[in-house]
C-alpha cells in the first residue's frame, strides 16, 4: 500500500490517501486509512463516515459499518442524524421532534402545516 497527500474541502484539511491493489485485503486497507486519518473519526460522526466510505461502493459500505465499531466508542454516534438523543420543538405545532428530523415532520406529520 502506498500513501499520498491530498486536499479535501469536506474535512477542512488534508487527508492522507492510501493506495491499494485489488488483491489487498480491504479491511486492512480501510484500517490503514482510518489510522492515517484519525482526524476524520474525530471530526465527523460514525454515520456520516459510513456514508462517505459507502460512496466507494456497497462492499465498502458494509465493511466500514463493521470496522468503524472499533473506532467509535459512543454507540449513540450510530444514530441516523448524528445528533444523539437531542430534540427540538416544531415551530408550527410545538411537538418535540428529533433534531435533524424537522423537515420530515413538517412534510408529513405536522398538523399545523
PDB file of N, CA and C in Angstrom:
ATOM      1  N   UNK A   1       0.846  -1.171   0.000  1.00  0.00           N
ATOM      2  CA  UNK A   1       0.000   0.000   0.000  1.00  0.00           C
ATOM      3  C   UNK A   1       0.892   1.234   0.000  1.00  0.00           C
ATOM      4  N   UNK A   2       0.433   2.235  -0.678  1.00  0.00           N
ATOM      5  CA  UNK A   2       1.182   3.479  -0.732  1.00  0.00           C
ATOM      6  C   UNK A   2       0.404   4.599  -0.070  1.00  0.00           C
ATOM      7  N   UNK A   3       1.095   5.686   0.233  1.00  0.00           N
ATOM      8  CA  UNK A   3       0.449   6.835   0.859  1.00  0.00           C
ATOM      9  C   UNK A   3       0.707   8.070   0.019  1.00  0.00           C
ATOM     10  N   UNK A   4      -0.219   8.988   0.055  1.00  0.00           N
ATOM     11  CA  UNK A   4      -0.046  10.254  -0.638  1.00  0.00           C
ATOM     12  C   UNK A   4      -0.808  11.321   0.111  1.00  0.00           C
ATOM     13  N   UNK A   5      -0.539  12.558  -0.206  1.00  0.00           N
ATOM     14  CA  UNK A   5      -1.253  13.655   0.449  1.00  0.00           C
ATOM     15  C   UNK A   5      -2.278  14.184  -0.533  1.00  0.00           C
ATOM     16  N   UNK A   6      -3.460  14.485  -0.032  1.00  0.00           N
ATOM     17  CA  UNK A   6      -4.489  15.045  -0.888  1.00  0.00           C
ATOM     18  C   UNK A   6      -5.338  16.012  -0.115  1.00  0.00           C
ATOM     19  N   UNK A   7      -5.766  17.068  -0.752  1.00  0.00           N
ATOM     20  CA  UNK A   7      -6.619  18.051  -0.096  1.00  0.00           C
ATOM     21  C   UNK A   7      -8.079  17.667  -0.217  1.00  0.00           C
ATOM     22  N   UNK A   8      -8.859  18.139   0.723  1.00  0.00           N
ATOM     23  CA  UNK A   8     -10.291  17.914   0.647  1.00  0.00           C
ATOM     24  C   UNK A   8     -11.010  19.036   1.372  1.00  0.00           C
ATOM     25  N   UNK A   9     -11.990  19.607   0.741  1.00  0.00           N
ATOM     26  CA  UNK A   9     -12.765  20.662   1.375  1.00  0.00           C
ATOM     27  C   UNK A   9     -13.755  20.096   2.367  1.00  0.00           C
ATOM     28  N   UNK A  10     -14.195  18.875   2.151  1.00  0.00           N
ATOM     29  CA  UNK A  10     -15.217  18.283   3.007  1.00  0.00           C
ATOM     30  C   UNK A  10     -14.771  18.176   4.461  1.00  0.00           C
ATOM     31  N   UNK A  11     -13.470  18.062   4.698  1.00  0.00           N
ATOM     32  CA  UNK A  11     -12.983  17.877   6.054  1.00  0.00           C
ATOM     33  C   UNK A  11     -12.141  19.040   6.527  1.00  0.00           C
ATOM     34  N   UNK A  12     -12.127  20.116   5.749  1.00  0.00           N
ATOM     35  CA  UNK A  12     -11.385  21.311   6.147  1.00  0.00           C
ATOM     36  C   UNK A  12      -9.923  20.999   6.436  1.00  0.00           C
ATOM     37  N   UNK A  13      -9.306  20.225   5.613  1.00  0.00           N
ATOM     38  CA  UNK A  13      -7.919  19.896   5.863  1.00  0.00           C
ATOM     39  C   UNK A  13      -7.376  18.918   4.856  1.00  0.00           C
ATOM     40  N   UNK A  14      -6.302  18.264   5.233  1.00  0.00           N
ATOM     41  CA  UNK A  14      -5.614  17.343   4.346  1.00  0.00           C
ATOM     42  C   UNK A  14      -5.889  15.916   4.800  1.00  0.00           C
ATOM     43  N   UNK A  15      -6.158  15.066   3.839  1.00  0.00           N
ATOM     44  CA  UNK A  15      -6.407  13.655   4.113  1.00  0.00           C
ATOM     45  C   UNK A  15      -5.294  12.847   3.460  1.00  0.00           C
ATOM     46  N   UNK A  16      -4.757  11.895   4.197  1.00  0.00           N
ATOM     47  CA  UNK A  16      -3.739  11.010   3.637  1.00  0.00           C
ATOM     48  C   UNK A  16      -4.442   9.913   2.856  1.00  0.00           C
ATOM     49  N   UNK A  17      -4.140   9.849   1.570  1.00  0.00           N
ATOM     50  CA  UNK A  17      -4.724   8.816   0.722  1.00  0.00           C
ATOM     51  C   UNK A  17      -3.926   7.527   0.892  1.00  0.00           C
ATOM     52  N   UNK A  18      -4.593   6.409   0.817  1.00  0.00           N
ATOM     53  CA  UNK A  18      -3.943   5.105   0.917  1.00  0.00           C
ATOM     54  C   UNK A  18      -4.240   4.357  -0.371  1.00  0.00           C
ATOM     55  N   UNK A  19      -3.212   4.128  -1.168  1.00  0.00           N
ATOM     56  CA  UNK A  19      -3.368   3.397  -2.424  1.00  0.00           C
ATOM     57  C   UNK A  19      -3.322   1.894  -2.139  1.00  0.00           C
ATOM     58  N   UNK A  20      -4.056   1.141  -2.942  1.00  0.00           N
ATOM     59  CA  UNK A  20      -4.088  -0.305  -2.748  1.00  0.00           C
ATOM     60  C   UNK A  20      -4.347  -0.983  -4.084  1.00  0.00           C
ATOM     61  N   UNK A  21      -4.057  -2.267  -4.128  1.00  0.00           N
ATOM     62  CA  UNK A  21      -4.338  -3.093  -5.296  1.00  0.00           C
ATOM     63  C   UNK A  21      -5.560  -3.957  -4.996  1.00  0.00           C
ATOM     64  N   UNK A  22      -6.201  -4.439  -6.024  1.00  0.00           N
ATOM     65  CA  UNK A  22      -7.415  -5.236  -5.836  1.00  0.00           C
ATOM     66  C   UNK A  22      -7.187  -6.473  -4.969  1.00  0.00           C
ATOM     67  N   UNK A  23      -5.969  -7.033  -4.986  1.00  0.00           N
ATOM     68  CA  UNK A  23      -5.724  -8.239  -4.197  1.00  0.00           C
ATOM     69  C   UNK A  23      -5.391  -7.939  -2.733  1.00  0.00           C
ATOM     70  N   UNK A  24      -5.299  -6.652  -2.355  1.00  0.00           N
ATOM     71  CA  UNK A  24      -5.095  -6.309  -0.949  1.00  0.00           C
ATOM     72  C   UNK A  24      -6.371  -6.560  -0.158  1.00  0.00           C
ATOM     73  N   UNK A  25      -6.207  -6.956   1.074  1.00  0.00           N
ATOM     74  CA  UNK A  25      -7.339  -7.167   1.968  1.00  0.00           C
ATOM     75  C   UNK A  25      -7.997  -5.815   2.264  1.00  0.00           C
ATOM     76  N   UNK A  26      -9.270  -5.676   1.930  1.00  0.00           N
ATOM     77  CA  UNK A  26      -9.951  -4.391   2.079  1.00  0.00           C
ATOM     78  C   UNK A  26     -10.057  -3.942   3.534  1.00  0.00           C
ATOM     79  N   UNK A  27     -10.204  -4.874   4.440  1.00  0.00           N
ATOM     80  CA  UNK A  27     -10.268  -4.480   5.846  1.00  0.00           C
ATOM     81  C   UNK A  27      -8.946  -3.855   6.285  1.00  0.00           C
ATOM     82  N   UNK A  28      -7.835  -4.448   5.855  1.00  0.00           N
ATOM     83  CA  UNK A  28      -6.523  -3.896   6.186  1.00  0.00           C
ATOM     84  C   UNK A  28      -6.359  -2.509   5.569  1.00  0.00           C
ATOM     85  N   UNK A  29      -6.799  -2.343   4.340  1.00  0.00           N
ATOM     86  CA  UNK A  29      -6.713  -1.050   3.658  1.00  0.00           C
ATOM     87  C   UNK A  29      -7.533  -0.003   4.413  1.00  0.00           C
ATOM     88  N   UNK A  30      -8.760  -0.354   4.775  1.00  0.00           N
ATOM     89  CA  UNK A  30      -9.624   0.588   5.485  1.00  0.00           C
ATOM     90  C   UNK A  30      -9.044   0.955   6.844  1.00  0.00           C
ATOM     91  N   UNK A  31      -8.546  -0.020   7.569  1.00  0.00           N
ATOM     92  CA  UNK A  31      -7.949   0.271   8.872  1.00  0.00           C
ATOM     93  C   UNK A  31      -6.707   1.170   8.729  1.00  0.00           C
ATOM     94  N   UNK A  32      -5.910   0.926   7.714  1.00  0.00           N
ATOM     95  CA  UNK A  32      -4.736   1.760   7.463  1.00  0.00           C
ATOM     96  C   UNK A  32      -5.170   3.198   7.164  1.00  0.00           C
ATOM     97  N   UNK A  33      -6.205   3.344   6.343  1.00  0.00           N
ATOM     98  CA  UNK A  33      -6.724   4.672   6.019  1.00  0.00           C
ATOM     99  C   UNK A  33      -7.219   5.387   7.280  1.00  0.00           C
ATOM    100  N   UNK A  34      -7.983   4.704   8.100  1.00  0.00           N
ATOM    101  CA  UNK A  34      -8.520   5.310   9.323  1.00  0.00           C
ATOM    102  C   UNK A  34      -7.416   5.639  10.321  1.00  0.00           C
ATOM    103  N   UNK A  35      -6.409   4.776  10.417  1.00  0.00           N
ATOM    104  CA  UNK A  35      -5.290   5.048  11.319  1.00  0.00           C
ATOM    105  C   UNK A  35      -4.495   6.264  10.847  1.00  0.00           C
ATOM    106  N   UNK A  36      -4.321   6.399   9.542  1.00  0.00           N
ATOM    107  CA  UNK A  36      -3.575   7.531   8.984  1.00  0.00           C
ATOM    108  C   UNK A  36      -4.380   8.828   9.056  1.00  0.00           C
ATOM    109  N   UNK A  37      -5.702   8.721   9.154  1.00  0.00           N
ATOM    110  CA  UNK A  37      -6.577   9.889   9.134  1.00  0.00           C
ATOM    111  C   UNK A  37      -7.482   9.924  10.366  1.00  0.00           C
ATOM    112  N   UNK A  38      -6.877   9.804  11.524  1.00  0.00           N
ATOM    113  CA  UNK A  38      -7.671   9.756  12.760  1.00  0.00           C
ATOM    114  C   UNK A  38      -8.506  11.022  12.951  1.00  0.00           C
ATOM    115  N   UNK A  39      -8.101  12.124  12.311  1.00  0.00           N
ATOM    116  CA  UNK A  39      -8.873  13.363  12.438  1.00  0.00           C
ATOM    117  C   UNK A  39     -10.268  13.221  11.826  1.00  0.00           C
ATOM    118  N   UNK A  40     -10.452  12.314  10.893  1.00  0.00           N
ATOM    119  CA  UNK A  40     -11.783  12.101  10.314  1.00  0.00           C
ATOM    120  C   UNK A  40     -12.736  11.528  11.346  1.00  0.00           C
ATOM    121  N   UNK A  41     -12.247  10.566  12.100  1.00  0.00           N
ATOM    122  CA  UNK A  41     -13.071   9.941  13.136  1.00  0.00           C
ATOM    123  C   UNK A  41     -13.456  10.974  14.188  1.00  0.00           C
ATOM    124  N   UNK A  42     -12.534  11.880  14.490  1.00  0.00           N
ATOM    125  CA  UNK A  42     -12.805  12.914  15.484  1.00  0.00           C
ATOM    126  C   UNK A  42     -13.714  14.005  14.942  1.00  0.00           C
ATOM    127  N   UNK A  43     -13.659  14.266  13.631  1.00  0.00           N
ATOM    128  CA  UNK A  43     -14.364  15.408  13.052  1.00  0.00           C
ATOM    129  C   UNK A  43     -15.810  15.118  12.682  1.00  0.00           C
ATOM    130  N   UNK A  44     -16.123  13.890  12.284  1.00  0.00           N
ATOM    131  CA  UNK A  44     -17.486  13.592  11.842  1.00  0.00           C
ATOM    132  C   UNK A  44     -18.013  12.370  12.561  1.00  0.00           C
ATOM    133  N   UNK A  45     -19.332  12.268  12.626  1.00  0.00           N
ATOM    134  CA  UNK A  45     -19.924  11.136  13.340  1.00  0.00           C
ATOM    135  C   UNK A  45     -19.821   9.853  12.520  1.00  0.00           C
ATOM    136  N   UNK A  46     -20.065   8.762  13.167  1.00  0.00           N
ATOM    137  CA  UNK A  46     -19.909   7.437  12.569  1.00  0.00           C
ATOM    138  C   UNK A  46     -20.776   7.257  11.335  1.00  0.00           C
ATOM    139  N   UNK A  47     -22.002   7.673  11.435  1.00  0.00           N
ATOM    140  CA  UNK A  47     -22.938   7.511  10.316  1.00  0.00           C
ATOM    141  C   UNK A  47     -22.454   8.276   9.083  1.00  0.00           C
ATOM    142  N   UNK A  48     -21.995   9.501   9.291  1.00  0.00           N
ATOM    143  CA  UNK A  48     -21.511  10.304   8.166  1.00  0.00           C
ATOM    144  C   UNK A  48     -20.284   9.665   7.520  1.00  0.00           C
ATOM    145  N   UNK A  49     -19.390   9.118   8.331  1.00  0.00           N
ATOM    146  CA  UNK A  49     -18.198   8.480   7.782  1.00  0.00           C
ATOM    147  C   UNK A  49     -18.571   7.189   7.050  1.00  0.00           C
ATOM    148  N   UNK A  50     -19.539   6.448   7.564  1.00  0.00           N
ATOM    149  CA  UNK A  50     -20.013   5.244   6.879  1.00  0.00           C
ATOM    150  C   UNK A  50     -20.586   5.610   5.514  1.00  0.00           C
ATOM    151  N   UNK A  51     -21.371   6.675   5.462  1.00  0.00           N
ATOM    152  CA  UNK A  51     -21.948   7.108   4.187  1.00  0.00           C
ATOM    153  C   UNK A  51     -20.864   7.565   3.223  1.00  0.00           C
ATOM    154  N   UNK A  52     -19.885   8.285   3.737  1.00  0.00           N
ATOM    155  CA  UNK A  52     -18.788   8.747   2.894  1.00  0.00           C
ATOM    156  C   UNK A  52     -18.031   7.563   2.301  1.00  0.00           C
ATOM    157  N   UNK A  53     -17.680   6.611   3.136  1.00  0.00           N
ATOM    158  CA  UNK A  53     -16.957   5.435   2.655  1.00  0.00           C
ATOM    159  C   UNK A  53     -17.828   4.592   1.724  1.00  0.00           C
ATOM    160  N   UNK A  54     -19.129   4.613   1.963  1.00  0.00           N
ATOM    161  CA  UNK A  54     -20.061   3.876   1.116  1.00  0.00           C
ATOM    162  C   UNK A  54     -20.129   4.394  -0.305  1.00  0.00           C
ATOM    163  N   UNK A  55     -19.678   5.619  -0.518  1.00  0.00           N
ATOM    164  CA  UNK A  55     -19.654   6.166  -1.877  1.00  0.00           C
ATOM    165  C   UNK A  55     -18.662   5.424  -2.770  1.00  0.00           C
ATOM    166  N   UNK A  56     -17.797   4.643  -2.139  1.00  0.00           N
ATOM    167  CA  UNK A  56     -16.836   3.839  -2.897  1.00  0.00           C
ATOM    168  C   UNK A  56     -17.463   2.540  -3.373  1.00  0.00           C
ATOM    169  N   UNK A  57     -18.671   2.234  -2.938  1.00  0.00           N
ATOM    170  CA  UNK A  57     -19.354   1.015  -3.361  1.00  0.00           C
ATOM    171  C   UNK A  57     -19.967   0.290  -2.176  1.00  0.00           C
ATOM    172  N   UNK A  58     -20.919  -0.579  -2.484  1.00  0.00           N
ATOM    173  CA  UNK A  58     -21.671  -1.289  -1.454  1.00  0.00           C
ATOM    174  C   UNK A  58     -20.780  -2.141  -0.553  1.00  0.00           C
ATOM    175  N   UNK A  59     -19.771  -2.785  -1.125  1.00  0.00           N
ATOM    176  CA  UNK A  59     -18.902  -3.637  -0.304  1.00  0.00           C
ATOM    177  C   UNK A  59     -18.120  -2.815   0.707  1.00  0.00           C
ATOM    178  N   UNK A  60     -17.722  -1.589   0.330  1.00  0.00           N
ATOM    179  CA  UNK A  60     -17.017  -0.710   1.264  1.00  0.00           C
ATOM    180  C   UNK A  60     -17.961  -0.223   2.351  1.00  0.00           C
ATOM    181  N   UNK A  61     -19.201   0.011   2.006  1.00  0.00           N
ATOM    182  CA  UNK A  61     -20.185   0.462   2.989  1.00  0.00           C
ATOM    183  C   UNK A  61     -20.400  -0.596   4.066  1.00  0.00           C
ATOM    184  N   UNK A  62     -20.572  -1.836   3.653  1.00  0.00           N
ATOM    185  CA  UNK A  62     -20.765  -2.934   4.606  1.00  0.00           C
ATOM    186  C   UNK A  62     -19.521  -3.114   5.467  1.00  0.00           C
ATOM    187  N   UNK A  63     -18.363  -3.091   4.841  1.00  0.00           N
ATOM    188  CA  UNK A  63     -17.106  -3.249   5.569  1.00  0.00           C
ATOM    189  C   UNK A  63     -16.914  -2.112   6.562  1.00  0.00           C
ATOM    190  N   UNK A  64     -17.161  -0.878   6.138  1.00  0.00           N
ATOM    191  CA  UNK A  64     -16.956   0.259   7.032  1.00  0.00           C
ATOM    192  C   UNK A  64     -17.901   0.196   8.220  1.00  0.00           C
ATOM    193  N   UNK A  65     -19.105  -0.288   7.983  1.00  0.00           N
ATOM    194  CA  UNK A  65     -20.060  -0.419   9.080  1.00  0.00           C
ATOM    195  C   UNK A  65     -19.515  -1.339  10.168  1.00  0.00           C
ATOM    196  N   UNK A  66     -18.852  -2.396   9.761  1.00  0.00           N
ATOM    197  CA  UNK A  66     -18.278  -3.345  10.721  1.00  0.00           C
ATOM    198  C   UNK A  66     -16.999  -2.799  11.364  1.00  0.00           C
ATOM    199  N   UNK A  67     -16.101  -2.250  10.561  1.00  0.00           N
ATOM    200  CA  UNK A  67     -14.797  -1.792  11.039  1.00  0.00           C
ATOM    201  C   UNK A  67     -14.926  -0.577  11.963  1.00  0.00           C
ATOM    202  N   UNK A  68     -15.848   0.322  11.668  1.00  0.00           N
ATOM    203  CA  UNK A  68     -15.956   1.551  12.455  1.00  0.00           C
ATOM    204  C   UNK A  68     -16.352   1.301  13.902  1.00  0.00           C
ATOM    205  N   UNK A  69     -16.883   0.134  14.199  1.00  0.00           N
ATOM    206  CA  UNK A  69     -17.182  -0.208  15.602  1.00  0.00           C
ATOM    207  C   UNK A  69     -15.923  -0.098  16.463  1.00  0.00           C
ATOM    208  N   UNK A  70     -14.767  -0.356  15.864  1.00  0.00           N
ATOM    209  CA  UNK A  70     -13.506  -0.297  16.602  1.00  0.00           C
ATOM    210  C   UNK A  70     -12.975   1.127  16.758  1.00  0.00           C
ATOM    211  N   UNK A  71     -13.554   2.069  16.032  1.00  0.00           N
ATOM    212  CA  UNK A  71     -13.052   3.443  16.042  1.00  0.00           C
ATOM    213  C   UNK A  71     -13.970   4.421  16.775  1.00  0.00           C
ATOM    214  N   UNK A  72     -15.200   4.021  17.032  1.00  0.00           N
ATOM    215  CA  UNK A  72     -16.140   4.879  17.754  1.00  0.00           C
ATOM    216  C   UNK A  72     -16.554   4.184  19.042  1.00  0.00           C
ATOM    217  N   UNK A  73     -16.355   4.859  20.161  1.00  0.00           N
ATOM    218  CA  UNK A  73     -16.712   4.290  21.462  1.00  0.00           C
ATOM    219  C   UNK A  73     -18.180   4.490  21.778  1.00  0.00           C
ATOM    220  N   UNK A  74     -18.721   5.636  21.405  1.00  0.00           N
ATOM    221  CA  UNK A  74     -20.080   6.014  21.760  1.00  0.00           C
ATOM    222  C   UNK A  74     -21.061   5.448  20.745  1.00  0.00           C
ATOM    223  N   UNK A  75     -21.910   4.507  21.162  1.00  0.00           N
ATOM    224  CA  UNK A  75     -22.855   3.910  20.229  1.00  0.00           C
ATOM    225  C   UNK A  75     -23.900   4.898  19.756  1.00  0.00           C
ATOM    226  N   UNK A  76     -24.109   6.014  20.479  1.00  0.00           N
ATOM    227  CA  UNK A  76     -25.092   6.998  20.024  1.00  0.00           C
ATOM    228  C   UNK A  76     -24.639   7.651  18.734  1.00  0.00           C
ATOM    229  N   UNK A  77     -23.339   7.571  18.410  1.00  0.00           N
ATOM    230  CA  UNK A  77     -22.870   8.148  17.157  1.00  0.00           C
ATOM    231  C   UNK A  77     -23.322   7.314  15.963  1.00  0.00           C
ATOM    232  N   UNK A  78     -24.017   6.231  16.218  1.00  0.00           N
ATOM    233  CA  UNK A  78     -24.544   5.401  15.142  1.00  0.00           C
ATOM    234  C   UNK A  78     -25.912   5.880  14.671  1.00  0.00           C
ATOM    235  N   UNK A  79     -26.471   6.863  15.332  1.00  0.00           N
ATOM    236  CA  UNK A  79     -27.803   7.350  15.000  1.00  0.00           C
ATOM    237  C   UNK A  79     -27.892   7.889  13.591  1.00  0.00           C
ATOM    238  N   UNK A  80     -29.099   7.921  13.028  1.00  0.00           N
ATOM    239  CA  UNK A  80     -29.266   8.335  11.647  1.00  0.00           C
ATOM    240  C   UNK A  80     -28.909   9.792  11.394  1.00  0.00           C
ATOM    241  N   UNK A  81     -29.007  10.649  12.386  1.00  0.00           N
ATOM    242  CA  UNK A  81     -28.721  12.056  12.154  1.00  0.00           C
ATOM    243  C   UNK A  81     -27.405  12.481  12.759  1.00  0.00           C
ATOM    244  N   UNK A  82     -26.856  11.694  13.669  1.00  0.00           N
ATOM    245  CA  UNK A  82     -25.629  12.078  14.327  1.00  0.00           C
ATOM    246  C   UNK A  82     -25.845  13.085  15.446  1.00  0.00           C
ATOM    247  N   UNK A  83     -27.097  13.370  15.805  1.00  0.00           N
ATOM    248  CA  UNK A  83     -27.386  14.321  16.860  1.00  0.00           C
ATOM    249  C   UNK A  83     -27.641  13.633  18.190  1.00  0.00           C
ATOM    250  N   UNK A  84     -27.371  12.322  18.257  1.00  0.00           N
ATOM    251  CA  UNK A  84     -27.596  11.596  19.504  1.00  0.00           C
ATOM    252  C   UNK A  84     -29.064  11.635  19.865  1.00  0.00           C
ATOM    253  N   UNK A  85     -29.392  11.936  21.112  1.00  0.00           N
ATOM    254  CA  UNK A  85     -30.779  11.980  21.555  1.00  0.00           C
ATOM    255  C   UNK A  85     -31.351  13.382  21.606  1.00  0.00           C
ATOM    256  N   UNK A  86     -30.713  14.344  20.958  1.00  0.00           N
ATOM    257  CA  UNK A  86     -31.162  15.723  21.013  1.00  0.00           C
ATOM    258  C   UNK A  86     -32.496  15.891  20.291  1.00  0.00           C
ATOM    259  N   UNK A  87     -33.296  16.811  20.802  1.00  0.00           N
ATOM    260  CA  UNK A  87     -34.589  17.106  20.183  1.00  0.00           C
ATOM    261  C   UNK A  87     -34.743  18.611  20.011  1.00  0.00           C
ATOM    262  N   UNK A  88     -35.767  18.973  19.273  1.00  0.00           N
ATOM    263  CA  UNK A  88     -36.125  20.370  19.106  1.00  0.00           C
ATOM    264  C   UNK A  88     -37.641  20.444  18.984  1.00  0.00           C
ATOM    265  N   UNK A  89     -38.204  21.622  19.200  1.00  0.00           N
ATOM    266  CA  UNK A  89     -39.647  21.805  19.098  1.00  0.00           C
ATOM    267  C   UNK A  89     -40.010  22.274  17.705  1.00  0.00           C
ATOM    268  N   UNK A  90     -41.095  21.728  17.177  1.00  0.00           N
ATOM    269  CA  UNK A  90     -41.607  22.174  15.888  1.00  0.00           C
ATOM    270  C   UNK A  90     -42.140  23.598  16.058  1.00  0.00           C
ATOM    271  N   UNK A  91     -41.725  24.529  15.208  1.00  0.00           N
ATOM    272  CA  UNK A  91     -42.180  25.909  15.354  1.00  0.00           C
ATOM    273  C   UNK A  91     -43.654  26.093  14.986  1.00  0.00           C
ATOM    274  N   UNK A  92     -44.268  25.114  14.344  1.00  0.00           N
ATOM    275  CA  UNK A  92     -45.660  25.217  13.928  1.00  0.00           C
ATOM    276  C   UNK A  92     -46.625  24.612  14.940  1.00  0.00           C
ATOM    277  N   UNK A  93     -46.346  23.369  15.371  1.00  0.00           N
ATOM    278  CA  UNK A  93     -47.293  22.701  16.269  1.00  0.00           C
ATOM    279  C   UNK A  93     -46.752  22.522  17.685  1.00  0.00           C
ATOM    280  N   UNK A  94     -45.448  22.769  17.887  1.00  0.00           N
ATOM    281  CA  UNK A  94     -44.853  22.647  19.206  1.00  0.00           C
ATOM    282  C   UNK A  94     -44.453  21.239  19.597  1.00  0.00           C
ATOM    283  N   UNK A  95     -44.654  20.268  18.709  1.00  0.00           N
ATOM    284  CA  UNK A  95     -44.303  18.875  19.019  1.00  0.00           C
ATOM    285  C   UNK A  95     -42.793  18.726  19.160  1.00  0.00           C
ATOM    286  N   UNK A  96     -42.364  17.838  20.051  1.00  0.00           N
ATOM    287  CA  UNK A  96     -40.945  17.547  20.206  1.00  0.00           C
ATOM    288  C   UNK A  96     -40.528  16.596  19.093  1.00  0.00           C
ATOM    289  N   UNK A  97     -39.485  16.979  18.368  1.00  0.00           N
ATOM    290  CA  UNK A  97     -39.027  16.228  17.201  1.00  0.00           C
ATOM    291  C   UNK A  97     -37.535  15.978  17.359  1.00  0.00           C
ATOM    292  N   UNK A  98     -37.066  14.798  16.923  1.00  0.00           N
ATOM    293  CA  UNK A  98     -35.628  14.537  16.960  1.00  0.00           C
ATOM    294  C   UNK A  98     -34.907  15.585  16.136  1.00  0.00           C
ATOM    295  N   UNK A  99     -33.787  16.074  16.665  1.00  0.00           N
ATOM    296  CA  UNK A  99     -33.016  17.092  15.964  1.00  0.00           C
ATOM    297  C   UNK A  99     -32.571  16.524  14.621  1.00  0.00           C
ATOM    298  N   UNK A 100     -32.781  17.287  13.578  1.00  0.00           N
ATOM    299  CA  UNK A 100     -32.487  16.834  12.225  1.00  0.00           C
ATOM    300  C   UNK A 100     -33.704  16.240  11.541  1.00  0.00           C
ATOM    301  N   UNK A 101     -34.768  15.971  12.297  1.00  0.00           N
ATOM    302  CA  UNK A 101     -35.968  15.368  11.730  1.00  0.00           C
ATOM    303  C   UNK A 101     -37.090  16.348  11.460  1.00  0.00           C
ATOM    304  N   UNK A 102     -36.827  17.644  11.653  1.00  0.00           N
ATOM    305  CA  UNK A 102     -37.868  18.652  11.475  1.00  0.00           C
ATOM    306  C   UNK A 102     -38.419  18.701  10.048  1.00  0.00           C
ATOM    307  N   UNK A 103     -37.596  18.675   9.011  1.00  0.00           N
ATOM    308  CA  UNK A 103     -38.150  18.711   7.654  1.00  0.00           C
ATOM    309  C   UNK A 103     -39.128  17.567   7.375  1.00  0.00           C
ATOM    310  N   UNK A 104     -38.781  16.372   7.824  1.00  0.00           N
ATOM    311  CA  UNK A 104     -39.664  15.222   7.632  1.00  0.00           C
ATOM    312  C   UNK A 104     -40.958  15.393   8.418  1.00  0.00           C
ATOM    313  N   UNK A 105     -40.859  15.893   9.634  1.00  0.00           N
ATOM    314  CA  UNK A 105     -42.034  16.115  10.473  1.00  0.00           C
ATOM    315  C   UNK A 105     -42.979  17.118   9.806  1.00  0.00           C
ATOM    316  N   UNK A 106     -42.423  18.228   9.346  1.00  0.00           N
ATOM    317  CA  UNK A 106     -43.240  19.270   8.726  1.00  0.00           C
ATOM    318  C   UNK A 106     -43.883  18.751   7.442  1.00  0.00           C
ATOM    319  N   UNK A 107     -43.160  17.954   6.684  1.00  0.00           N
ATOM    320  CA  UNK A 107     -43.669  17.448   5.414  1.00  0.00           C
ATOM    321  C   UNK A 107     -44.788  16.419   5.571  1.00  0.00           C
ATOM    322  N   UNK A 108     -44.789  15.690   6.697  1.00  0.00           N
ATOM    323  CA  UNK A 108     -45.771  14.621   6.766  1.00  0.00           C
ATOM    324  C   UNK A 108     -46.607  14.515   8.014  1.00  0.00           C
ATOM    325  N   UNK A 109     -46.078  14.863   9.168  1.00  0.00           N
ATOM    326  CA  UNK A 109     -46.779  14.590  10.428  1.00  0.00           C
ATOM    327  C   UNK A 109     -47.305  15.842  11.134  1.00  0.00           C
ATOM    328  N   UNK A 110     -46.806  16.993  10.767  1.00  0.00           N
ATOM    329  CA  UNK A 110     -47.196  18.212  11.460  1.00  0.00           C
ATOM    330  C   UNK A 110     -48.637  18.576  11.092  1.00  0.00           C
ATOM    331  N   UNK A 111     -49.480  18.718  12.105  1.00  0.00           N
ATOM    332  CA  UNK A 111     -50.892  19.008  11.862  1.00  0.00           C
ATOM    333  C   UNK A 111     -51.119  20.484  11.518  1.00  0.00           C
ATOM    334  N   UNK A 112     -50.139  21.325  11.746  1.00  0.00           N
ATOM    335  CA  UNK A 112     -50.297  22.759  11.535  1.00  0.00           C
ATOM    336  C   UNK A 112     -49.781  23.229  10.165  1.00  0.00           C
ATOM    337  N   UNK A 113     -49.275  22.292   9.344  1.00  0.00           N
ATOM    338  CA  UNK A 113     -48.778  22.692   8.025  1.00  0.00           C
ATOM    339  C   UNK A 113     -49.552  22.016   6.926  1.00  0.00           C
TER     340      UNK A 113
END
